Protein backbone atom coordinates (compact mmCIF):
# COMPACT_ATOMS: atom_id res chain seq x y z
CA UNK A 1 86.01 -91.85 46.63
CA UNK A 2 87.66 -88.80 47.80
CA UNK A 3 87.42 -87.25 44.39
CA UNK A 4 83.65 -87.90 43.96
CA UNK A 5 81.70 -84.61 43.88
CA UNK A 6 79.03 -84.22 46.51
CA UNK A 7 75.96 -82.37 45.45
CA UNK A 8 74.56 -80.09 48.01
CA UNK A 9 71.06 -81.26 48.99
CA UNK A 10 70.83 -83.81 46.18
CA UNK A 11 71.03 -87.53 46.73
CA UNK A 12 71.87 -89.63 43.67
CA UNK A 13 69.45 -92.34 44.74
CA UNK A 14 66.64 -89.78 45.08
CA UNK A 15 67.34 -88.43 41.63
CA UNK A 16 67.37 -91.97 40.14
CA UNK A 17 64.05 -92.83 41.84
CA UNK A 18 62.57 -89.64 40.54
CA UNK A 19 63.70 -90.43 36.99
CA UNK A 20 62.35 -93.97 37.28
CA UNK A 21 59.03 -92.63 38.48
CA UNK A 22 58.86 -90.18 35.65
CA UNK A 23 59.76 -92.96 33.16
CA UNK A 24 56.99 -95.15 34.58
CA UNK A 25 54.46 -92.27 34.26
CA UNK A 26 55.59 -91.63 30.65
CA UNK A 27 55.14 -95.36 29.87
CA UNK A 28 51.65 -95.17 31.30
CA UNK A 29 50.87 -92.13 29.17
CA UNK A 30 52.19 -93.88 26.10
CA UNK A 31 49.96 -96.87 26.90
CA UNK A 32 46.95 -94.60 27.17
CA UNK A 33 47.82 -92.93 23.86
CA UNK A 34 48.23 -96.33 22.14
CA UNK A 35 44.88 -97.50 23.45
CA UNK A 36 43.23 -94.28 22.26
CA UNK A 37 44.81 -94.68 18.82
CA UNK A 38 43.73 -98.31 18.65
CA UNK A 39 40.11 -97.44 19.62
CA UNK A 40 39.96 -94.67 17.08
CA UNK A 41 41.39 -96.89 14.37
CA UNK A 42 38.91 -99.58 15.07
CA UNK A 43 36.05 -97.08 15.04
CA UNK A 44 37.21 -95.64 11.67
CA UNK A 45 37.58 -99.14 10.20
CA UNK A 46 34.10 -100.09 11.38
CA UNK A 47 32.63 -96.87 9.86
CA UNK A 48 34.43 -97.52 6.61
CA UNK A 49 33.11 -101.07 6.42
CA UNK A 50 29.58 -99.86 7.19
CA UNK A 51 29.79 -97.19 4.47
CA UNK A 52 31.14 -99.64 1.89
CA UNK A 53 28.47 -102.15 2.78
CA UNK A 54 25.73 -99.59 2.37
CA UNK A 55 27.09 -98.47 -0.98
CA UNK A 56 27.43 -102.05 -2.23
CA UNK A 57 23.87 -102.74 -1.09
CA UNK A 58 22.54 -99.67 -2.96
CA UNK A 59 24.52 -100.67 -6.12
CA UNK A 60 23.17 -104.20 -5.97
CA UNK A 61 19.62 -102.90 -5.72
CA UNK A 62 20.14 -100.62 -8.68
CA UNK A 63 21.74 -103.40 -10.69
CA UNK A 64 18.86 -105.69 -9.86
CA UNK A 65 16.31 -103.15 -10.98
CA UNK A 66 18.17 -102.53 -14.23
CA UNK A 67 18.50 -106.24 -14.87
CA UNK A 68 14.79 -106.65 -14.35
CA UNK A 69 14.14 -103.82 -16.81
CA UNK A 70 16.36 -105.39 -19.45
CA UNK A 71 14.69 -108.75 -18.90
CA UNK A 72 11.26 -107.20 -19.35
CA UNK A 73 12.36 -105.50 -22.59
CA UNK A 74 13.84 -108.79 -23.84
CA UNK A 75 10.56 -110.61 -23.15
CA UNK A 76 8.44 -107.91 -24.78
CA UNK A 77 10.48 -107.53 -27.98
CA UNK A 78 12.98 -110.29 -28.61
CA UNK A 79 13.49 -109.16 -32.23
CA UNK A 80 14.83 -105.77 -31.09
CA UNK A 81 17.23 -107.29 -28.59
CA UNK A 82 18.50 -109.79 -31.22
CA UNK A 83 19.00 -106.89 -33.66
CA UNK A 84 20.90 -104.82 -31.06
CA UNK A 85 23.18 -107.74 -30.09
CA UNK A 86 23.77 -108.57 -33.76
CA UNK A 87 24.76 -105.01 -34.59
CA UNK A 88 27.10 -104.96 -31.59
CA UNK A 89 28.73 -108.16 -32.74
CA UNK A 90 29.11 -106.82 -36.30
CA UNK A 91 30.62 -103.62 -34.97
CA UNK A 92 33.02 -105.63 -32.82
CA UNK A 93 34.03 -107.83 -35.72
CA UNK A 94 34.63 -104.75 -37.97
CA UNK A 95 36.77 -103.07 -35.34
CA UNK A 96 38.72 -106.33 -34.92
CA UNK A 97 39.43 -106.60 -38.67
CA UNK A 98 40.53 -102.94 -38.79
CA UNK A 99 42.91 -103.43 -35.91
CA UNK A 100 44.19 -106.65 -37.50
CA UNK A 101 44.84 -104.84 -40.74
CA UNK A 102 46.79 -102.00 -39.10
CA UNK A 103 48.95 -104.39 -37.10
CA UNK A 104 49.77 -106.68 -40.04
CA UNK A 105 53.33 -107.95 -39.69
CA UNK A 106 53.89 -108.67 -43.38
CA UNK A 107 54.64 -105.00 -44.13
CA UNK A 108 51.61 -104.45 -46.34
CA UNK A 109 49.30 -101.56 -45.41
CA UNK A 110 46.05 -103.26 -46.47
CA UNK A 111 44.85 -106.50 -48.02
CA UNK A 112 43.55 -104.67 -51.13
CA UNK A 113 46.55 -102.56 -51.89
């Protein structure tokens, strides 16, 4: 090893140990960052679940109140409710017939023409 360069004041083993120490410190820092990210993600997920749960609860309460109101109206005036549902059914049937006529595959534009 006559051709091997000798560094003045530097020992290769010392440099290697220093690098290994720095690498170990960096790994420790990365571990801390990962833990911090994990904790923050868990906290955000928990908050999102709590918010969604609160919204769902409020929506369920509103739906319950509206359902109760509709039930009361149906009990008080069943004729009106029957009329409204009948008209909705008739409207739906009319729309269905109109769509059926426009998508007729026989080539005719209408049944009367």
